[in-house]
N, C-alpha and C. Protein backbone atom coordinates (compact mmCIF):
# COMPACT_ATOMS: atom_id res chain seq x y z
N UNK A 1 135.85 70.77 45.71
CA UNK A 1 134.27 70.67 45.26
C UNK A 1 133.47 71.43 46.32
N UNK A 2 132.60 72.08 46.04
CA UNK A 2 131.55 72.81 46.97
C UNK A 2 130.15 72.26 46.67
N UNK A 3 129.36 72.22 47.68
CA UNK A 3 127.89 71.69 47.49
C UNK A 3 126.94 72.49 48.46
N UNK A 4 125.73 72.50 48.24
CA UNK A 4 124.77 73.06 49.11
C UNK A 4 124.64 72.13 50.28
N UNK A 5 124.88 72.67 51.44
CA UNK A 5 124.62 71.94 52.60
C UNK A 5 123.37 72.12 53.31
N UNK A 6 123.01 73.42 53.32
CA UNK A 6 121.71 73.77 54.02
C UNK A 6 121.19 75.09 53.27
N UNK A 7 119.89 75.08 53.27
CA UNK A 7 119.00 76.16 52.81
C UNK A 7 118.39 76.75 54.05
N UNK A 8 118.50 78.05 54.39
CA UNK A 8 118.25 78.69 55.47
C UNK A 8 116.97 79.50 55.23
N UNK A 9 115.82 79.22 55.94
CA UNK A 9 114.58 79.99 55.97
C UNK A 9 114.43 80.87 57.28
N UNK A 10 114.25 82.21 57.07
CA UNK A 10 113.86 82.96 58.17
C UNK A 10 112.45 82.64 58.66
N UNK A 11 112.25 82.60 59.95
CA UNK A 11 110.91 82.30 60.40
C UNK A 11 110.56 83.07 61.80
N UNK A 12 109.27 83.25 62.06
CA UNK A 12 108.94 83.92 63.37
C UNK A 12 108.49 82.81 64.20
N UNK A 13 107.89 81.80 63.78
CA UNK A 13 107.12 80.84 64.71
C UNK A 13 108.12 79.49 64.39
N UNK A 14 109.09 79.21 65.18
CA UNK A 14 110.08 78.16 65.03
C UNK A 14 109.21 76.84 65.07
N UNK A 15 108.43 76.57 65.88
CA UNK A 15 107.78 75.42 66.30
C UNK A 15 106.85 75.07 65.06
N UNK A 16 105.98 76.03 64.65
CA UNK A 16 105.05 75.85 63.63
C UNK A 16 105.75 75.60 62.37
N UNK A 17 106.73 76.43 61.95
CA UNK A 17 107.39 76.10 60.76
C UNK A 17 108.23 74.69 60.72
N UNK A 18 108.79 74.39 61.81
CA UNK A 18 109.39 72.94 62.00
C UNK A 18 108.28 71.92 61.68
N UNK A 19 107.13 72.04 62.19
CA UNK A 19 106.14 71.08 62.02
C UNK A 19 105.73 71.01 60.59
N UNK A 20 105.46 72.20 60.02
CA UNK A 20 105.30 72.18 58.50
C UNK A 20 106.31 71.70 57.63
N UNK A 21 107.54 72.15 57.71
CA UNK A 21 108.62 71.72 56.88
C UNK A 21 109.02 70.15 57.13
N UNK A 22 108.99 69.78 58.33
CA UNK A 22 109.37 68.26 58.54
C UNK A 22 108.34 67.46 57.73
N UNK A 23 107.00 67.83 57.88
CA UNK A 23 105.96 67.09 57.42
C UNK A 23 105.96 67.20 55.72
N UNK A 24 106.27 68.38 55.34
CA UNK A 24 106.27 68.70 53.93
C UNK A 24 107.38 67.87 53.13
N UNK A 25 108.56 67.88 53.65
CA UNK A 25 109.56 67.28 53.14
C UNK A 25 110.09 65.85 53.60
N UNK A 26 109.34 65.46 54.69
CA UNK A 26 109.70 64.17 55.27
C UNK A 26 111.21 64.29 55.82
N UNK A 27 111.37 65.45 56.45
CA UNK A 27 112.67 65.68 57.12
C UNK A 27 112.55 65.32 58.77
N UNK A 28 113.78 65.31 59.33
CA UNK A 28 113.64 65.10 60.72
C UNK A 28 114.68 66.28 61.33
N UNK A 29 114.21 66.73 62.52
CA UNK A 29 115.20 67.72 63.22
C UNK A 29 116.31 67.13 63.73
N UNK A 30 117.40 67.88 63.77
CA UNK A 30 118.69 67.44 64.50
C UNK A 30 118.36 67.71 66.00
N UNK A 31 118.88 66.79 66.82
CA UNK A 31 118.60 66.95 68.26
C UNK A 31 119.08 68.17 68.96
N UNK A 32 120.31 68.71 68.45
CA UNK A 32 121.11 69.61 69.34
C UNK A 32 120.79 71.11 68.94
N UNK A 33 119.55 71.36 68.42
CA UNK A 33 119.24 72.68 67.95
C UNK A 33 118.82 73.53 69.20
N UNK A 34 118.88 74.76 69.00
CA UNK A 34 118.48 75.87 69.96
C UNK A 34 117.11 76.22 69.88
N UNK A 35 116.60 77.16 70.70
CA UNK A 35 115.23 77.65 70.65
C UNK A 35 115.15 78.66 69.65
N UNK A 36 116.32 79.13 69.01
CA UNK A 36 116.29 80.22 67.74
C UNK A 36 116.62 79.49 66.56
N UNK A 37 117.00 78.25 66.48
CA UNK A 37 117.42 77.73 65.21
C UNK A 37 117.17 76.15 65.13
N UNK A 38 116.68 75.77 64.05
CA UNK A 38 116.48 74.38 63.87
C UNK A 38 116.95 73.82 62.59
N UNK A 39 117.84 72.77 62.56
CA UNK A 39 118.25 72.18 61.38
C UNK A 39 117.52 70.95 61.12
N UNK A 40 116.85 71.04 59.92
CA UNK A 40 116.16 69.71 59.54
C UNK A 40 116.91 69.03 58.48
N UNK A 41 117.06 67.62 58.63
CA UNK A 41 117.75 66.89 57.59
C UNK A 41 116.94 65.97 56.97
N UNK A 42 117.20 65.50 55.79
CA UNK A 42 116.51 64.42 55.15
C UNK A 42 116.45 63.13 55.97
N UNK A 43 115.43 62.55 55.99
CA UNK A 43 115.31 61.26 56.64
C UNK A 43 116.32 60.19 56.22
N UNK A 44 116.46 60.22 54.87
CA UNK A 44 117.49 59.24 54.33
C UNK A 44 118.84 59.77 54.02
N UNK A 45 119.06 60.99 54.63
CA UNK A 45 120.35 61.69 54.45
C UNK A 45 120.73 62.11 53.01
N UNK A 46 119.87 62.19 52.18
CA UNK A 46 120.02 62.44 50.76
C UNK A 46 119.55 63.90 50.56
N UNK A 47 120.37 64.70 50.00
CA UNK A 47 119.88 66.19 49.66
C UNK A 47 120.34 67.07 50.62
N UNK A 48 120.13 68.45 50.38
CA UNK A 48 120.58 69.49 51.38
C UNK A 48 119.60 69.48 52.59
N UNK A 49 120.20 70.05 53.76
CA UNK A 49 119.48 70.31 54.87
C UNK A 49 118.56 71.59 54.71
N UNK A 50 117.52 71.70 55.39
CA UNK A 50 116.72 72.96 55.52
C UNK A 50 116.93 73.39 56.87
N UNK A 51 117.44 74.67 57.17
CA UNK A 51 117.50 75.18 58.50
C UNK A 51 116.53 76.42 58.55
N UNK A 52 115.93 76.33 59.77
CA UNK A 52 114.99 77.31 60.22
C UNK A 52 115.58 78.40 61.11
N UNK A 53 115.67 79.61 60.97
CA UNK A 53 116.34 80.46 61.75
C UNK A 53 115.43 81.54 62.17
N UNK A 54 115.10 81.54 63.61
CA UNK A 54 114.01 82.46 64.13
C UNK A 54 114.72 83.76 64.26
N UNK A 55 114.55 84.73 63.13
CA UNK A 55 114.96 85.91 63.21
C UNK A 55 113.92 86.90 62.41
N UNK A 56 113.58 87.92 63.06
CA UNK A 56 112.57 88.84 62.58
C UNK A 56 113.11 89.45 61.31
N UNK A 57 112.32 89.33 60.29
CA UNK A 57 112.78 89.85 58.98
C UNK A 57 111.47 90.28 58.13
N UNK A 58 111.76 90.96 56.97
CA UNK A 58 110.64 91.54 56.33
C UNK A 58 110.49 90.35 55.14
N UNK A 59 109.26 90.01 54.88
CA UNK A 59 108.98 89.04 53.80
C UNK A 59 109.05 89.92 52.51
N UNK A 60 109.89 89.42 51.61
CA UNK A 60 109.98 90.24 50.28
C UNK A 60 109.26 89.48 49.32
N UNK A 61 108.32 90.34 48.61
CA UNK A 61 107.37 89.66 47.49
C UNK A 61 107.88 90.47 46.22
N UNK A 62 108.25 89.89 45.17
CA UNK A 62 108.48 88.46 45.07
C UNK A 62 109.83 88.10 45.80
N UNK A 63 109.99 86.88 46.21
CA UNK A 63 111.21 86.46 47.09
C UNK A 63 112.40 86.67 46.10
N UNK A 64 113.59 86.79 46.64
CA UNK A 64 114.73 86.76 46.00
C UNK A 64 115.25 85.38 45.69
N UNK A 65 114.79 84.45 46.52
CA UNK A 65 115.11 83.13 46.19
C UNK A 65 113.96 82.11 46.71
N UNK A 66 113.73 81.05 46.17
CA UNK A 66 112.66 80.17 46.68
C UNK A 66 113.22 78.70 46.31
N UNK A 67 112.29 77.75 46.86
CA UNK A 67 112.65 76.36 46.72
C UNK A 67 111.75 75.82 45.54
N UNK A 68 112.23 75.06 44.67
CA UNK A 68 111.39 74.26 43.67
C UNK A 68 111.52 72.90 44.15
N UNK A 69 110.31 72.34 44.49
CA UNK A 69 110.14 71.01 44.94
C UNK A 69 109.62 70.13 43.73
N UNK A 70 110.22 69.14 43.48
CA UNK A 70 109.94 68.21 42.35
C UNK A 70 108.90 67.11 42.76
N UNK A 71 107.79 66.90 42.22
CA UNK A 71 106.79 65.87 42.53
C UNK A 71 106.40 65.15 41.49
N UNK A 72 106.30 63.80 41.68
CA UNK A 72 105.83 62.87 40.63
C UNK A 72 104.32 63.02 40.33
N UNK A 73 103.58 63.23 41.42
CA UNK A 73 102.20 63.60 41.38
C UNK A 73 101.95 64.87 41.94
N UNK A 74 102.06 65.99 41.09
CA UNK A 74 101.98 67.38 41.56
C UNK A 74 100.69 67.62 42.16
N UNK A 75 99.58 67.24 41.69
CA UNK A 75 98.29 67.45 42.30
C UNK A 75 98.01 67.03 43.61
N UNK A 76 98.37 65.73 43.70
CA UNK A 76 98.43 65.15 45.06
C UNK A 76 99.24 65.94 46.06
N UNK A 77 100.55 66.18 45.67
CA UNK A 77 101.32 66.95 46.51
C UNK A 77 100.99 68.36 47.02
N UNK A 78 100.47 69.03 45.99
CA UNK A 78 99.84 70.53 46.36
C UNK A 78 98.75 70.28 47.29
N UNK A 79 97.90 69.31 47.01
CA UNK A 79 96.64 69.01 48.11
C UNK A 79 97.31 68.84 49.46
N UNK A 80 98.24 67.80 49.37
CA UNK A 80 98.86 67.39 50.73
C UNK A 80 99.47 68.65 51.60
N UNK A 81 100.20 69.44 50.68
CA UNK A 81 100.86 70.63 51.28
C UNK A 81 99.84 71.64 51.87
N UNK A 82 98.75 71.89 50.99
CA UNK A 82 97.74 72.70 51.56
C UNK A 82 97.14 72.30 52.78
N UNK A 83 97.02 70.96 52.81
CA UNK A 83 96.35 70.36 54.15
C UNK A 83 97.35 70.63 55.39
N UNK A 84 98.61 70.73 55.05
CA UNK A 84 99.54 70.91 56.20
C UNK A 84 99.48 72.43 56.43
N UNK A 85 99.01 73.31 55.74
CA UNK A 85 99.01 74.82 56.01
C UNK A 85 99.48 75.62 54.98
N UNK A 86 99.95 75.08 53.72
CA UNK A 86 100.38 76.01 52.83
C UNK A 86 99.22 76.59 52.05
N UNK A 87 99.41 77.69 51.36
CA UNK A 87 98.34 78.30 50.57
C UNK A 87 98.86 78.56 49.19
N UNK A 88 98.04 78.55 48.18
CA UNK A 88 98.38 78.68 46.85
C UNK A 88 98.43 80.14 46.55
N UNK A 89 99.48 80.49 45.73
CA UNK A 89 99.80 81.87 45.46
C UNK A 89 99.56 82.02 43.96
N UNK A 90 98.65 82.95 43.59
CA UNK A 90 98.19 83.25 42.17
C UNK A 90 99.09 84.43 41.66
N UNK A 91 99.64 84.11 40.67
CA UNK A 91 100.66 85.22 40.05
C UNK A 91 100.11 85.40 38.57
N UNK A 92 99.94 86.71 38.31
CA UNK A 92 99.29 87.19 37.02
C UNK A 92 100.30 86.61 35.86
N UNK A 93 101.64 86.67 35.95
CA UNK A 93 102.62 86.21 35.02
C UNK A 93 102.85 84.85 34.76
N UNK A 94 102.20 84.05 35.60
CA UNK A 94 102.33 82.56 35.54
C UNK A 94 101.66 82.13 34.10
N UNK A 95 102.59 81.47 33.20
CA UNK A 95 102.00 81.04 31.92
C UNK A 95 100.92 79.97 32.20
N UNK A 96 99.94 79.95 31.22
CA UNK A 96 98.88 78.95 31.51
C UNK A 96 99.36 77.49 31.24
N UNK A 97 100.48 77.18 30.63
CA UNK A 97 100.95 75.84 30.63
C UNK A 97 102.19 75.59 31.52
N UNK A 98 102.39 76.31 32.54
CA UNK A 98 103.40 76.21 33.44
C UNK A 98 103.35 74.79 34.23
N UNK A 99 104.47 74.38 34.35
CA UNK A 99 104.63 72.97 35.04
C UNK A 99 104.78 73.16 36.55
N UNK A 100 104.54 74.25 37.08
CA UNK A 100 104.71 74.49 38.46
C UNK A 100 103.39 75.17 39.08
N UNK A 101 103.28 74.95 40.35
CA UNK A 101 102.19 75.64 41.16
C UNK A 101 102.94 76.31 42.32
N UNK A 102 102.62 77.63 42.58
CA UNK A 102 103.20 78.38 43.62
C UNK A 102 102.53 78.29 44.85
N UNK A 103 103.32 77.96 45.89
CA UNK A 103 102.62 77.83 47.18
C UNK A 103 103.47 78.74 48.20
N UNK A 104 102.85 78.95 49.33
CA UNK A 104 103.43 79.67 50.44
C UNK A 104 103.38 78.92 51.69
N UNK A 105 104.39 78.79 52.58
CA UNK A 105 104.34 78.09 53.71
C UNK A 105 103.44 79.02 54.75
N UNK A 106 103.08 78.45 56.01
CA UNK A 106 102.29 79.25 56.79
C UNK A 106 102.85 80.61 57.19
N UNK A 107 103.96 80.98 56.95
CA UNK A 107 104.42 82.37 57.19
C UNK A 107 104.58 83.15 55.74
N UNK A 108 104.22 82.56 54.81
CA UNK A 108 104.28 83.33 53.44
C UNK A 108 105.52 83.19 52.58
N UNK A 109 106.47 82.34 53.15
CA UNK A 109 107.73 81.98 52.42
C UNK A 109 107.18 81.12 51.18
N UNK A 110 107.57 81.68 49.87
CA UNK A 110 106.97 80.94 48.72
C UNK A 110 107.93 79.92 48.36
N UNK A 111 107.40 78.86 47.62
CA UNK A 111 108.02 77.82 46.96
C UNK A 111 107.19 77.16 45.81
N UNK A 112 107.70 76.44 44.90
CA UNK A 112 107.05 75.95 43.78
C UNK A 112 106.98 74.32 43.99
N UNK A 113 105.86 73.80 43.57
CA UNK A 113 105.73 72.37 43.35
C UNK A 113 105.81 72.03 41.83
N UNK A 114 106.90 71.57 41.32
CA UNK A 114 107.09 71.36 39.96
C UNK A 114 106.74 69.88 39.61
N UNK A 115 106.04 69.76 38.43
CA UNK A 115 105.45 68.40 37.89
C UNK A 115 106.76 67.86 37.27
N UNK A 116 107.23 66.75 37.94
CA UNK A 116 108.33 66.01 37.40
C UNK A 116 107.97 64.70 36.83
N UNK A 117 106.63 64.44 36.75
CA UNK A 117 106.17 63.25 36.22
C UNK A 117 106.03 63.28 34.75
């Protein structure tokens, strides 16, 4: 059996992105990370890790892959994430009745907040 162990996000500012993603997901960093890599794990050990890899890369729009984050109170989570530094992304092809809101982290990596309520 195979499972997703970690989702890797390329970043420029490792510290800023660590602060954003740990607060956004309520994850904690593993202690033995390097100055170029940080593994974030769920506080309750449930779900995949998110790893931040400080490697210069070009941001692709639209991204080839993104995270869908499920929220019971979508509006509250979107506002919380925006207060942490996320920005809302407007997409012309988004249906008016879409159950998701597109956001980008402080470096422009996109993710969706899906209404799971």
